[in-house]
Amino acid sequence: MAARVPFRPGALRLLTARFSQRAAAGAEFRSAYSLDTLYPPRDGGASGHTEQDTPAALSIPVERLTVSYSRSSGPGGQNVNKVNTKAEIRFHLATADWIPEAVREKMASMHRNKINRAGELIVSSDESRYQMRNLAICLEKIRVMVTEATEKPKVVSKETAQQLIARVEKMNRERLRQKKIHSNIKQSRKADFD
């Protein structure tokens, strides 16, 4: 049985004083699952990033996205039957001027199975049982898509290409040699009834 702790009248005054000090200082309560905490803005100020570190395309304007929530099939037990935790983000890719045009075209070809007939890119997440965390995961997925489309493909030198070709040919020769050895072993096991 749990021990009862007697209520002290001074404790209420102490708590009230602490919260009033925070309110006077301008500090407001932020949940650990708020969008600012899970998906911090990537500006040069608070996060320590500069404009040279992060391209402008990675600053996603949340107000220009269509966000919707629905019931999730993800983790959460009976919670998923009651709460809309699955987050889905849509935006029209062709008119998203916060992404450079070349990157938009590459994203359209790379992620064509995530684009509907209206031309909207759809990203969803039901990995978490928290709505804001799923929203942050969706935003991070968009950020990764833009980053992947921004990266330039690596150029392979002629020497490296020749080495790769020689390596593949050597592997094929060895595979065929092993196959021939195995075939000879199988042939030698057959009984000749002539």
N, C-alpha and C. Protein backbone atom coordinates (compact mmCIF):
# COMPACT_ATOMS: atom_id res chain seq x y z
N MET A 1 0.84 -1.17 0.00
CA MET A 1 0.00 0.00 0.00
C MET A 1 0.89 1.23 0.00
N ALA A 2 0.55 2.20 -0.81
CA ALA A 2 1.35 3.42 -0.94
C ALA A 2 1.15 4.31 0.27
N ALA A 3 2.22 4.94 0.67
CA ALA A 3 2.14 5.86 1.81
C ALA A 3 1.54 7.18 1.36
N ARG A 4 0.72 7.76 2.18
CA ARG A 4 0.09 9.04 1.84
C ARG A 4 1.01 10.17 2.29
N VAL A 5 1.18 11.12 1.42
CA VAL A 5 1.99 12.30 1.75
C VAL A 5 1.02 13.41 2.11
N PRO A 6 1.17 14.00 3.28
CA PRO A 6 0.24 15.06 3.66
C PRO A 6 0.43 16.30 2.80
N PHE A 7 -0.67 16.97 2.48
CA PHE A 7 -0.64 18.18 1.68
C PHE A 7 -0.14 19.34 2.52
N ARG A 8 0.83 20.07 1.98
CA ARG A 8 1.35 21.23 2.69
C ARG A 8 0.83 22.48 2.00
N PRO A 9 0.20 23.38 2.71
CA PRO A 9 -0.35 24.59 2.10
C PRO A 9 0.72 25.45 1.45
N GLY A 10 1.93 25.45 1.94
CA GLY A 10 3.00 26.26 1.36
C GLY A 10 3.47 25.74 0.01
N ALA A 11 3.25 24.45 -0.25
CA ALA A 11 3.70 23.84 -1.51
C ALA A 11 2.95 24.43 -2.70
N LEU A 12 1.66 24.69 -2.52
CA LEU A 12 0.88 25.28 -3.61
C LEU A 12 1.37 26.68 -3.93
N ARG A 13 1.69 27.46 -2.88
CA ARG A 13 2.21 28.81 -3.10
C ARG A 13 3.56 28.75 -3.82
N LEU A 14 4.40 27.78 -3.47
CA LEU A 14 5.71 27.65 -4.08
C LEU A 14 5.57 27.32 -5.58
N LEU A 15 4.69 26.37 -5.91
CA LEU A 15 4.46 26.03 -7.32
C LEU A 15 3.90 27.22 -8.09
N THR A 16 2.95 27.92 -7.50
CA THR A 16 2.36 29.08 -8.16
C THR A 16 3.42 30.14 -8.41
N ALA A 17 4.31 30.35 -7.46
CA ALA A 17 5.37 31.34 -7.62
C ALA A 17 6.31 30.95 -8.75
N ARG A 18 6.67 29.64 -8.85
CA ARG A 18 7.57 29.21 -9.91
C ARG A 18 6.96 29.42 -11.29
N PHE A 19 5.69 29.03 -11.43
CA PHE A 19 5.05 29.19 -12.74
C PHE A 19 4.85 30.65 -13.10
N SER A 20 4.58 31.49 -12.12
CA SER A 20 4.41 32.91 -12.42
C SER A 20 5.75 33.54 -12.80
N GLN A 21 6.88 33.04 -12.21
CA GLN A 21 8.19 33.54 -12.61
C GLN A 21 8.49 33.17 -14.06
N ARG A 22 8.15 31.94 -14.45
CA ARG A 22 8.36 31.53 -15.85
C ARG A 22 7.52 32.36 -16.80
N ALA A 23 6.27 32.60 -16.41
CA ALA A 23 5.39 33.38 -17.27
C ALA A 23 5.89 34.81 -17.38
N ALA A 24 6.41 35.37 -16.29
CA ALA A 24 6.93 36.73 -16.33
C ALA A 24 8.19 36.81 -17.19
N ALA A 25 8.99 35.75 -17.18
CA ALA A 25 10.22 35.74 -17.96
C ALA A 25 9.95 35.51 -19.45
N GLY A 26 8.71 35.19 -19.79
CA GLY A 26 8.36 34.99 -21.20
C GLY A 26 8.55 33.56 -21.66
N ALA A 27 8.92 32.66 -20.77
CA ALA A 27 9.10 31.25 -21.15
C ALA A 27 7.74 30.58 -21.20
N GLU A 28 7.51 29.87 -22.27
CA GLU A 28 6.25 29.14 -22.38
C GLU A 28 6.55 27.65 -22.46
N PHE A 29 5.60 26.87 -22.08
CA PHE A 29 5.78 25.43 -22.06
C PHE A 29 5.79 24.89 -23.48
N ARG A 30 6.79 24.06 -23.78
CA ARG A 30 6.88 23.37 -25.08
C ARG A 30 6.95 21.88 -24.81
N SER A 31 6.06 21.16 -25.43
CA SER A 31 6.06 19.72 -25.28
C SER A 31 7.28 19.13 -25.97
N ALA A 32 7.69 17.97 -25.53
CA ALA A 32 8.81 17.27 -26.17
C ALA A 32 8.42 16.82 -27.58
N TYR A 33 7.13 16.79 -27.86
CA TYR A 33 6.65 16.35 -29.16
C TYR A 33 6.14 17.51 -30.00
N SER A 34 6.50 18.74 -29.67
CA SER A 34 6.06 19.88 -30.47
C SER A 34 6.87 19.90 -31.77
N LEU A 35 6.33 20.55 -32.77
CA LEU A 35 6.96 20.58 -34.08
C LEU A 35 8.30 21.31 -34.02
N ASP A 36 8.41 22.34 -33.17
CA ASP A 36 9.68 23.06 -33.06
C ASP A 36 10.78 22.18 -32.49
N THR A 37 10.42 21.28 -31.59
CA THR A 37 11.41 20.40 -30.98
C THR A 37 11.80 19.27 -31.93
N LEU A 38 10.82 18.64 -32.56
CA LEU A 38 11.09 17.50 -33.43
C LEU A 38 11.64 17.90 -34.79
N TYR A 39 11.23 19.05 -35.29
CA TYR A 39 11.63 19.50 -36.62
C TYR A 39 12.09 20.94 -36.50
N PRO A 40 13.30 21.17 -35.99
CA PRO A 40 13.76 22.55 -35.82
C PRO A 40 13.98 23.21 -37.17
N PRO A 41 13.65 24.51 -37.26
CA PRO A 41 13.88 25.20 -38.53
C PRO A 41 15.37 25.28 -38.83
N ARG A 42 15.73 25.14 -40.08
CA ARG A 42 17.15 25.17 -40.45
C ARG A 42 17.51 26.56 -40.96
N ASP A 43 17.57 27.49 -40.05
CA ASP A 43 18.04 28.83 -40.41
C ASP A 43 19.41 29.02 -39.78
N GLY A 44 20.08 30.07 -40.14
CA GLY A 44 21.43 30.30 -39.66
C GLY A 44 21.50 30.71 -38.22
N GLY A 45 20.39 30.99 -37.57
CA GLY A 45 20.40 31.54 -36.22
C GLY A 45 20.65 30.52 -35.14
N ALA A 46 19.59 29.95 -34.61
CA ALA A 46 19.68 29.15 -33.39
C ALA A 46 20.38 27.82 -33.60
N SER A 47 20.24 27.20 -34.75
CA SER A 47 20.77 25.86 -34.92
C SER A 47 22.26 25.83 -35.24
N GLY A 48 22.86 26.96 -35.58
CA GLY A 48 24.29 26.99 -35.84
C GLY A 48 24.62 26.74 -37.30
N HIS A 49 23.64 26.47 -38.14
CA HIS A 49 23.89 26.28 -39.57
C HIS A 49 24.00 27.63 -40.24
N THR A 50 24.81 27.68 -41.28
CA THR A 50 24.89 28.89 -42.07
C THR A 50 24.25 28.63 -43.41
N GLU A 51 24.08 29.66 -44.18
CA GLU A 51 23.45 29.50 -45.49
C GLU A 51 24.30 28.63 -46.42
N GLN A 52 25.64 28.61 -46.22
CA GLN A 52 26.48 27.79 -47.09
C GLN A 52 26.33 26.32 -46.74
N ASP A 53 26.03 26.00 -45.45
CA ASP A 53 25.92 24.59 -45.04
C ASP A 53 24.67 23.93 -45.61
N THR A 54 23.54 24.62 -45.56
CA THR A 54 22.28 24.02 -46.00
C THR A 54 21.73 24.79 -47.18
N PRO A 55 21.40 24.10 -48.26
CA PRO A 55 20.80 24.78 -49.39
C PRO A 55 19.44 25.36 -49.04
N ALA A 56 19.03 26.38 -49.79
CA ALA A 56 17.75 27.03 -49.52
C ALA A 56 16.58 26.07 -49.72
N ALA A 57 16.76 25.03 -50.56
CA ALA A 57 15.67 24.10 -50.83
C ALA A 57 15.32 23.27 -49.60
N LEU A 58 16.23 23.19 -48.62
CA LEU A 58 15.96 22.37 -47.44
C LEU A 58 15.10 23.10 -46.41
N SER A 59 14.87 24.38 -46.57
CA SER A 59 13.98 25.11 -45.67
C SER A 59 12.56 24.94 -46.20
N ILE A 60 11.82 24.03 -45.60
CA ILE A 60 10.49 23.68 -46.09
C ILE A 60 9.46 24.61 -45.44
N PRO A 61 8.72 25.36 -46.23
CA PRO A 61 7.67 26.22 -45.66
C PRO A 61 6.45 25.38 -45.27
N VAL A 62 6.30 25.12 -43.99
CA VAL A 62 5.24 24.25 -43.49
C VAL A 62 3.87 24.82 -43.81
N GLU A 63 3.75 26.14 -43.84
CA GLU A 63 2.45 26.76 -44.10
C GLU A 63 1.96 26.55 -45.53
N ARG A 64 2.84 26.14 -46.45
CA ARG A 64 2.44 25.92 -47.84
C ARG A 64 2.17 24.45 -48.15
N LEU A 65 2.21 23.61 -47.13
CA LEU A 65 1.93 22.19 -47.29
C LEU A 65 0.52 21.89 -46.81
N THR A 66 -0.11 20.89 -47.40
CA THR A 66 -1.41 20.43 -46.94
C THR A 66 -1.18 19.23 -46.02
N VAL A 67 -1.52 19.41 -44.75
CA VAL A 67 -1.29 18.38 -43.75
C VAL A 67 -2.64 17.80 -43.33
N SER A 68 -2.73 16.48 -43.31
CA SER A 68 -3.96 15.83 -42.83
C SER A 68 -3.57 14.68 -41.92
N TYR A 69 -4.49 14.31 -41.03
CA TYR A 69 -4.27 13.24 -40.08
C TYR A 69 -5.38 12.21 -40.22
N SER A 70 -5.03 10.96 -39.98
CA SER A 70 -6.03 9.89 -40.03
C SER A 70 -5.63 8.82 -39.03
N ARG A 71 -6.50 7.82 -38.90
CA ARG A 71 -6.20 6.73 -37.98
C ARG A 71 -5.05 5.91 -38.53
N SER A 72 -4.23 5.45 -37.64
CA SER A 72 -3.00 4.79 -38.02
C SER A 72 -3.11 3.28 -37.84
N SER A 73 -2.32 2.55 -38.59
CA SER A 73 -2.21 1.12 -38.36
C SER A 73 -0.90 0.80 -37.66
N GLY A 74 -0.20 1.83 -37.23
CA GLY A 74 1.10 1.66 -36.61
C GLY A 74 1.01 1.27 -35.16
N PRO A 75 2.10 1.45 -34.41
CA PRO A 75 2.13 1.04 -33.01
C PRO A 75 1.21 1.88 -32.15
N GLY A 76 0.76 1.31 -31.04
CA GLY A 76 -0.07 2.07 -30.11
C GLY A 76 -1.20 1.28 -29.52
N GLY A 77 -1.37 0.02 -29.89
CA GLY A 77 -2.43 -0.80 -29.30
C GLY A 77 -3.81 -0.24 -29.59
N GLN A 78 -4.64 -0.15 -28.56
CA GLN A 78 -6.00 0.36 -28.75
C GLN A 78 -6.01 1.85 -29.04
N ASN A 79 -4.89 2.52 -28.78
CA ASN A 79 -4.80 3.95 -29.05
C ASN A 79 -5.05 4.26 -30.53
N VAL A 80 -4.63 3.35 -31.42
CA VAL A 80 -4.78 3.62 -32.85
C VAL A 80 -6.24 3.59 -33.28
N ASN A 81 -7.11 2.98 -32.50
CA ASN A 81 -8.53 2.95 -32.85
C ASN A 81 -9.25 4.23 -32.45
N LYS A 82 -8.60 5.07 -31.64
CA LYS A 82 -9.27 6.24 -31.11
C LYS A 82 -8.68 7.56 -31.59
N VAL A 83 -7.40 7.58 -31.92
CA VAL A 83 -6.69 8.84 -32.15
C VAL A 83 -6.17 8.89 -33.58
N ASN A 84 -6.28 10.04 -34.21
CA ASN A 84 -5.75 10.25 -35.56
C ASN A 84 -4.28 10.60 -35.46
N THR A 85 -3.40 9.60 -35.58
CA THR A 85 -1.98 9.86 -35.42
C THR A 85 -1.21 9.80 -36.74
N LYS A 86 -1.73 9.15 -37.75
CA LYS A 86 -1.03 9.07 -39.03
C LYS A 86 -1.03 10.45 -39.68
N ALA A 87 0.15 10.90 -40.08
CA ALA A 87 0.28 12.21 -40.72
C ALA A 87 0.52 12.02 -42.21
N GLU A 88 -0.11 12.88 -42.99
CA GLU A 88 0.07 12.84 -44.44
C GLU A 88 0.27 14.26 -44.92
N ILE A 89 1.33 14.47 -45.70
CA ILE A 89 1.65 15.79 -46.24
C ILE A 89 1.55 15.71 -47.76
N ARG A 90 0.89 16.73 -48.33
CA ARG A 90 0.77 16.84 -49.78
C ARG A 90 1.19 18.23 -50.21
N PHE A 91 1.82 18.30 -51.36
CA PHE A 91 2.05 19.60 -51.99
C PHE A 91 2.22 19.38 -53.48
N HIS A 92 1.82 20.38 -54.23
CA HIS A 92 1.90 20.31 -55.69
C HIS A 92 3.35 20.51 -56.08
N LEU A 93 3.97 19.48 -56.63
CA LEU A 93 5.40 19.50 -56.89
C LEU A 93 5.79 20.51 -57.97
N ALA A 94 4.98 20.62 -59.01
CA ALA A 94 5.35 21.49 -60.12
C ALA A 94 5.32 22.96 -59.74
N THR A 95 4.51 23.33 -58.76
CA THR A 95 4.41 24.75 -58.37
C THR A 95 5.14 25.04 -57.06
N ALA A 96 5.90 24.09 -56.55
CA ALA A 96 6.65 24.31 -55.30
C ALA A 96 7.89 25.13 -55.62
N ASP A 97 7.76 26.46 -55.56
CA ASP A 97 8.86 27.33 -55.95
C ASP A 97 9.97 27.39 -54.90
N TRP A 98 9.80 26.76 -53.75
CA TRP A 98 10.86 26.70 -52.75
C TRP A 98 11.86 25.60 -53.04
N ILE A 99 11.58 24.82 -54.11
CA ILE A 99 12.52 23.81 -54.60
C ILE A 99 12.97 24.26 -55.99
N PRO A 100 14.27 24.25 -56.29
CA PRO A 100 14.72 24.63 -57.63
C PRO A 100 14.10 23.74 -58.71
N GLU A 101 13.92 24.30 -59.89
CA GLU A 101 13.20 23.60 -60.96
C GLU A 101 13.89 22.29 -61.37
N ALA A 102 15.20 22.32 -61.48
CA ALA A 102 15.92 21.09 -61.87
C ALA A 102 15.73 19.99 -60.82
N VAL A 103 15.72 20.38 -59.56
CA VAL A 103 15.53 19.41 -58.47
C VAL A 103 14.10 18.87 -58.51
N ARG A 104 13.12 19.75 -58.81
CA ARG A 104 11.72 19.30 -58.90
C ARG A 104 11.56 18.26 -60.00
N GLU A 105 12.19 18.49 -61.15
CA GLU A 105 12.08 17.54 -62.26
C GLU A 105 12.71 16.19 -61.89
N LYS A 106 13.86 16.25 -61.21
CA LYS A 106 14.51 15.01 -60.80
C LYS A 106 13.69 14.29 -59.75
N MET A 107 13.08 15.05 -58.82
CA MET A 107 12.21 14.43 -57.81
C MET A 107 11.01 13.77 -58.47
N ALA A 108 10.46 14.41 -59.50
CA ALA A 108 9.30 13.86 -60.20
C ALA A 108 9.64 12.52 -60.85
N SER A 109 10.85 12.39 -61.39
CA SER A 109 11.23 11.13 -62.01
C SER A 109 11.62 10.08 -60.96
N MET A 110 12.26 10.52 -59.87
CA MET A 110 12.70 9.57 -58.84
C MET A 110 11.53 9.03 -58.02
N HIS A 111 10.53 9.86 -57.75
CA HIS A 111 9.44 9.50 -56.85
C HIS A 111 8.09 9.55 -57.57
N ARG A 112 8.04 9.05 -58.79
CA ARG A 112 6.79 9.14 -59.55
C ARG A 112 5.69 8.28 -58.96
N ASN A 113 6.03 7.25 -58.16
CA ASN A 113 5.00 6.43 -57.55
C ASN A 113 4.37 7.11 -56.33
N LYS A 114 4.93 8.23 -55.88
CA LYS A 114 4.36 8.97 -54.76
C LYS A 114 3.62 10.23 -55.22
N ILE A 115 3.48 10.38 -56.52
CA ILE A 115 2.79 11.56 -57.07
C ILE A 115 1.45 11.10 -57.63
N ASN A 116 0.37 11.79 -57.23
CA ASN A 116 -0.96 11.40 -57.72
C ASN A 116 -1.25 12.08 -59.06
N ARG A 117 -2.44 11.86 -59.59
CA ARG A 117 -2.79 12.40 -60.91
C ARG A 117 -2.88 13.92 -60.92
N ALA A 118 -3.15 14.51 -59.76
CA ALA A 118 -3.22 15.97 -59.66
C ALA A 118 -1.83 16.59 -59.60
N GLY A 119 -0.78 15.78 -59.54
CA GLY A 119 0.58 16.30 -59.50
C GLY A 119 1.07 16.59 -58.09
N GLU A 120 0.37 16.05 -57.08
CA GLU A 120 0.76 16.28 -55.70
C GLU A 120 1.69 15.17 -55.23
N LEU A 121 2.77 15.56 -54.59
CA LEU A 121 3.67 14.60 -53.95
C LEU A 121 3.08 14.29 -52.59
N ILE A 122 2.88 13.01 -52.29
CA ILE A 122 2.24 12.59 -51.04
C ILE A 122 3.26 11.83 -50.21
N VAL A 123 3.46 12.29 -48.98
CA VAL A 123 4.36 11.64 -48.04
C VAL A 123 3.57 11.39 -46.77
N SER A 124 3.62 10.15 -46.26
CA SER A 124 2.87 9.84 -45.04
C SER A 124 3.75 9.06 -44.07
N SER A 125 3.34 9.09 -42.80
CA SER A 125 4.07 8.36 -41.77
C SER A 125 3.10 7.93 -40.68
N ASP A 126 3.22 6.67 -40.27
CA ASP A 126 2.48 6.19 -39.11
C ASP A 126 3.42 5.37 -38.23
N GLU A 127 4.71 5.77 -38.22
CA GLU A 127 5.73 5.05 -37.47
C GLU A 127 5.57 5.23 -35.97
N SER A 128 5.08 6.37 -35.56
CA SER A 128 4.99 6.68 -34.14
C SER A 128 3.54 6.74 -33.70
N ARG A 129 3.30 6.72 -32.39
CA ARG A 129 1.95 6.87 -31.89
C ARG A 129 1.64 8.32 -31.57
N TYR A 130 2.58 9.23 -31.87
CA TYR A 130 2.38 10.65 -31.62
C TYR A 130 2.22 11.39 -32.94
N GLN A 131 1.20 12.21 -33.02
CA GLN A 131 0.87 12.92 -34.24
C GLN A 131 1.99 13.86 -34.68
N MET A 132 2.54 14.63 -33.76
CA MET A 132 3.58 15.58 -34.11
C MET A 132 4.87 14.89 -34.53
N ARG A 133 5.16 13.75 -33.92
CA ARG A 133 6.36 13.01 -34.33
C ARG A 133 6.19 12.48 -35.74
N ASN A 134 5.01 11.99 -36.09
CA ASN A 134 4.75 11.54 -37.46
C ASN A 134 4.86 12.69 -38.44
N LEU A 135 4.38 13.86 -38.05
CA LEU A 135 4.50 15.04 -38.91
C LEU A 135 5.97 15.38 -39.12
N ALA A 136 6.76 15.32 -38.07
CA ALA A 136 8.20 15.60 -38.19
C ALA A 136 8.89 14.57 -39.08
N ILE A 137 8.48 13.31 -38.99
CA ILE A 137 9.05 12.26 -39.84
C ILE A 137 8.73 12.54 -41.30
N CYS A 138 7.50 12.97 -41.57
CA CYS A 138 7.11 13.31 -42.96
C CYS A 138 7.97 14.45 -43.49
N LEU A 139 8.15 15.48 -42.67
CA LEU A 139 8.96 16.62 -43.11
C LEU A 139 10.40 16.21 -43.35
N GLU A 140 10.91 15.33 -42.53
CA GLU A 140 12.28 14.85 -42.72
C GLU A 140 12.37 14.00 -43.99
N LYS A 141 11.33 13.24 -44.31
CA LYS A 141 11.32 12.47 -45.56
C LYS A 141 11.37 13.40 -46.76
N ILE A 142 10.63 14.49 -46.71
CA ILE A 142 10.66 15.47 -47.81
C ILE A 142 12.05 16.07 -47.92
N ARG A 143 12.63 16.39 -46.77
CA ARG A 143 13.98 16.97 -46.77
C ARG A 143 14.99 16.00 -47.39
N VAL A 144 14.87 14.70 -47.09
CA VAL A 144 15.77 13.69 -47.64
C VAL A 144 15.55 13.56 -49.15
N MET A 145 14.29 13.60 -49.58
CA MET A 145 14.00 13.51 -51.02
C MET A 145 14.65 14.66 -51.77
N VAL A 146 14.53 15.86 -51.23
CA VAL A 146 15.13 17.03 -51.89
C VAL A 146 16.64 16.90 -51.90
N THR A 147 17.23 16.44 -50.80
CA THR A 147 18.68 16.28 -50.72
C THR A 147 19.17 15.25 -51.73
N GLU A 148 18.45 14.12 -51.85
CA GLU A 148 18.86 13.09 -52.81
C GLU A 148 18.77 13.60 -54.24
N ALA A 149 17.75 14.40 -54.53
CA ALA A 149 17.60 14.93 -55.88
C ALA A 149 18.62 16.03 -56.17
N THR A 150 19.15 16.66 -55.13
CA THR A 150 20.13 17.73 -55.30
C THR A 150 21.52 17.19 -55.57
N GLU A 151 21.82 16.01 -55.02
CA GLU A 151 23.17 15.45 -55.15
C GLU A 151 23.49 15.11 -56.59
N LYS A 152 24.71 15.41 -56.97
CA LYS A 152 25.18 15.12 -58.31
C LYS A 152 25.71 13.68 -58.35
N PRO A 153 25.47 12.95 -59.43
CA PRO A 153 25.99 11.58 -59.51
C PRO A 153 27.52 11.59 -59.60
N LYS A 154 28.13 10.57 -59.01
CA LYS A 154 29.58 10.48 -59.03
C LYS A 154 30.05 10.09 -60.43
N VAL A 155 31.11 10.74 -60.89
CA VAL A 155 31.68 10.44 -62.21
C VAL A 155 32.79 9.42 -62.01
N VAL A 156 32.68 8.32 -62.73
CA VAL A 156 33.66 7.24 -62.62
C VAL A 156 34.72 7.44 -63.69
N SER A 157 35.99 7.38 -63.29
CA SER A 157 37.07 7.56 -64.24
C SER A 157 37.18 6.33 -65.14
N LYS A 158 37.89 6.49 -66.26
CA LYS A 158 38.05 5.39 -67.21
C LYS A 158 38.82 4.23 -66.59
N GLU A 159 39.84 4.55 -65.79
CA GLU A 159 40.63 3.50 -65.16
C GLU A 159 39.78 2.68 -64.20
N THR A 160 38.95 3.36 -63.40
CA THR A 160 38.09 2.66 -62.46
C THR A 160 37.06 1.81 -63.19
N ALA A 161 36.49 2.34 -64.28
CA ALA A 161 35.53 1.57 -65.06
C ALA A 161 36.18 0.33 -65.65
N GLN A 162 37.41 0.45 -66.15
CA GLN A 162 38.11 -0.70 -66.70
C GLN A 162 38.41 -1.74 -65.62
N GLN A 163 38.77 -1.27 -64.42
CA GLN A 163 39.02 -2.19 -63.32
C GLN A 163 37.75 -2.94 -62.95
N LEU A 164 36.62 -2.24 -62.92
CA LEU A 164 35.34 -2.89 -62.59
C LEU A 164 34.97 -3.92 -63.64
N ILE A 165 35.16 -3.58 -64.91
CA ILE A 165 34.85 -4.52 -66.00
C ILE A 165 35.74 -5.76 -65.89
N ALA A 166 37.03 -5.55 -65.65
CA ALA A 166 37.96 -6.68 -65.52
C ALA A 166 37.57 -7.56 -64.33
N ARG A 167 37.15 -6.94 -63.23
CA ARG A 167 36.76 -7.70 -62.04
C ARG A 167 35.52 -8.55 -62.32
N VAL A 168 34.54 -7.98 -63.04
CA VAL A 168 33.32 -8.73 -63.37
C VAL A 168 33.65 -9.89 -64.30
N GLU A 169 34.51 -9.65 -65.31
CA GLU A 169 34.89 -10.72 -66.22
C GLU A 169 35.60 -11.84 -65.49
N LYS A 170 36.48 -11.50 -64.55
CA LYS A 170 37.21 -12.51 -63.78
C LYS A 170 36.22 -13.32 -62.93
N MET A 171 35.24 -12.65 -62.32
CA MET A 171 34.24 -13.36 -61.53
C MET A 171 33.43 -14.31 -62.39
N ASN A 172 33.08 -13.89 -63.60
CA ASN A 172 32.32 -14.75 -64.51
C ASN A 172 33.13 -15.97 -64.93
N ARG A 173 34.41 -15.76 -65.22
CA ARG A 173 35.26 -16.90 -65.60
C ARG A 173 35.36 -17.90 -64.45
N GLU A 174 35.53 -17.41 -63.22
CA GLU A 174 35.63 -18.30 -62.06
C GLU A 174 34.31 -19.03 -61.84
N ARG A 175 33.18 -18.33 -62.01
CA ARG A 175 31.88 -18.96 -61.85
C ARG A 175 31.70 -20.09 -62.86
N LEU A 176 32.06 -19.84 -64.12
CA LEU A 176 31.93 -20.86 -65.15
C LEU A 176 32.88 -22.04 -64.88
N ARG A 177 34.09 -21.76 -64.36
CA ARG A 177 35.03 -22.83 -64.04
C ARG A 177 34.46 -23.72 -62.93
N GLN A 178 33.89 -23.12 -61.89
CA GLN A 178 33.30 -23.88 -60.80
C GLN A 178 32.10 -24.70 -61.29
N LYS A 179 31.33 -24.10 -62.20
CA LYS A 179 30.17 -24.79 -62.75
C LYS A 179 30.62 -26.02 -63.56
N LYS A 180 31.70 -25.88 -64.30
CA LYS A 180 32.23 -26.99 -65.09
C LYS A 180 32.74 -28.11 -64.19
N ILE A 181 33.41 -27.74 -63.11
CA ILE A 181 33.90 -28.75 -62.15
C ILE A 181 32.72 -29.50 -61.54
N HIS A 182 31.70 -28.77 -61.16
CA HIS A 182 30.52 -29.39 -60.56
C HIS A 182 29.82 -30.31 -61.56
N SER A 183 29.76 -29.89 -62.81
CA SER A 183 29.14 -30.71 -63.85
C SER A 183 29.93 -32.00 -64.06
N ASN A 184 31.26 -31.92 -64.06
CA ASN A 184 32.09 -33.12 -64.23
C ASN A 184 31.89 -34.09 -63.07
N ILE A 185 31.77 -33.58 -61.87
CA ILE A 185 31.54 -34.44 -60.70
C ILE A 185 30.21 -35.16 -60.85
N LYS A 186 29.17 -34.43 -61.28
CA LYS A 186 27.85 -35.05 -61.45
C LYS A 186 27.89 -36.11 -62.56
N GLN A 187 28.63 -35.82 -63.64
CA GLN A 187 28.73 -36.77 -64.76
C GLN A 187 29.45 -38.04 -64.32
N SER A 188 30.45 -37.89 -63.47
CA SER A 188 31.21 -39.07 -63.03
C SER A 188 30.41 -39.97 -62.11
N ARG A 189 29.34 -39.45 -61.50
CA ARG A 189 28.51 -40.25 -60.61
C ARG A 189 27.51 -41.12 -61.37
N LYS A 190 27.22 -40.78 -62.61
CA LYS A 190 26.23 -41.52 -63.37
C LYS A 190 26.76 -42.92 -63.70
N ALA A 191 25.89 -43.90 -63.57
CA ALA A 191 26.28 -45.27 -63.91
C ALA A 191 26.02 -45.51 -65.39
N ASP A 192 26.97 -46.20 -66.02
CA ASP A 192 26.82 -46.49 -67.45
C ASP A 192 26.33 -47.91 -67.60
N PHE A 193 25.10 -48.08 -68.11
CA PHE A 193 24.50 -49.41 -68.22
C PHE A 193 24.59 -50.01 -69.60
N ASP A 194 25.44 -49.56 -70.45
CA ASP A 194 25.55 -50.11 -71.82
C ASP A 194 26.25 -51.40 -71.89
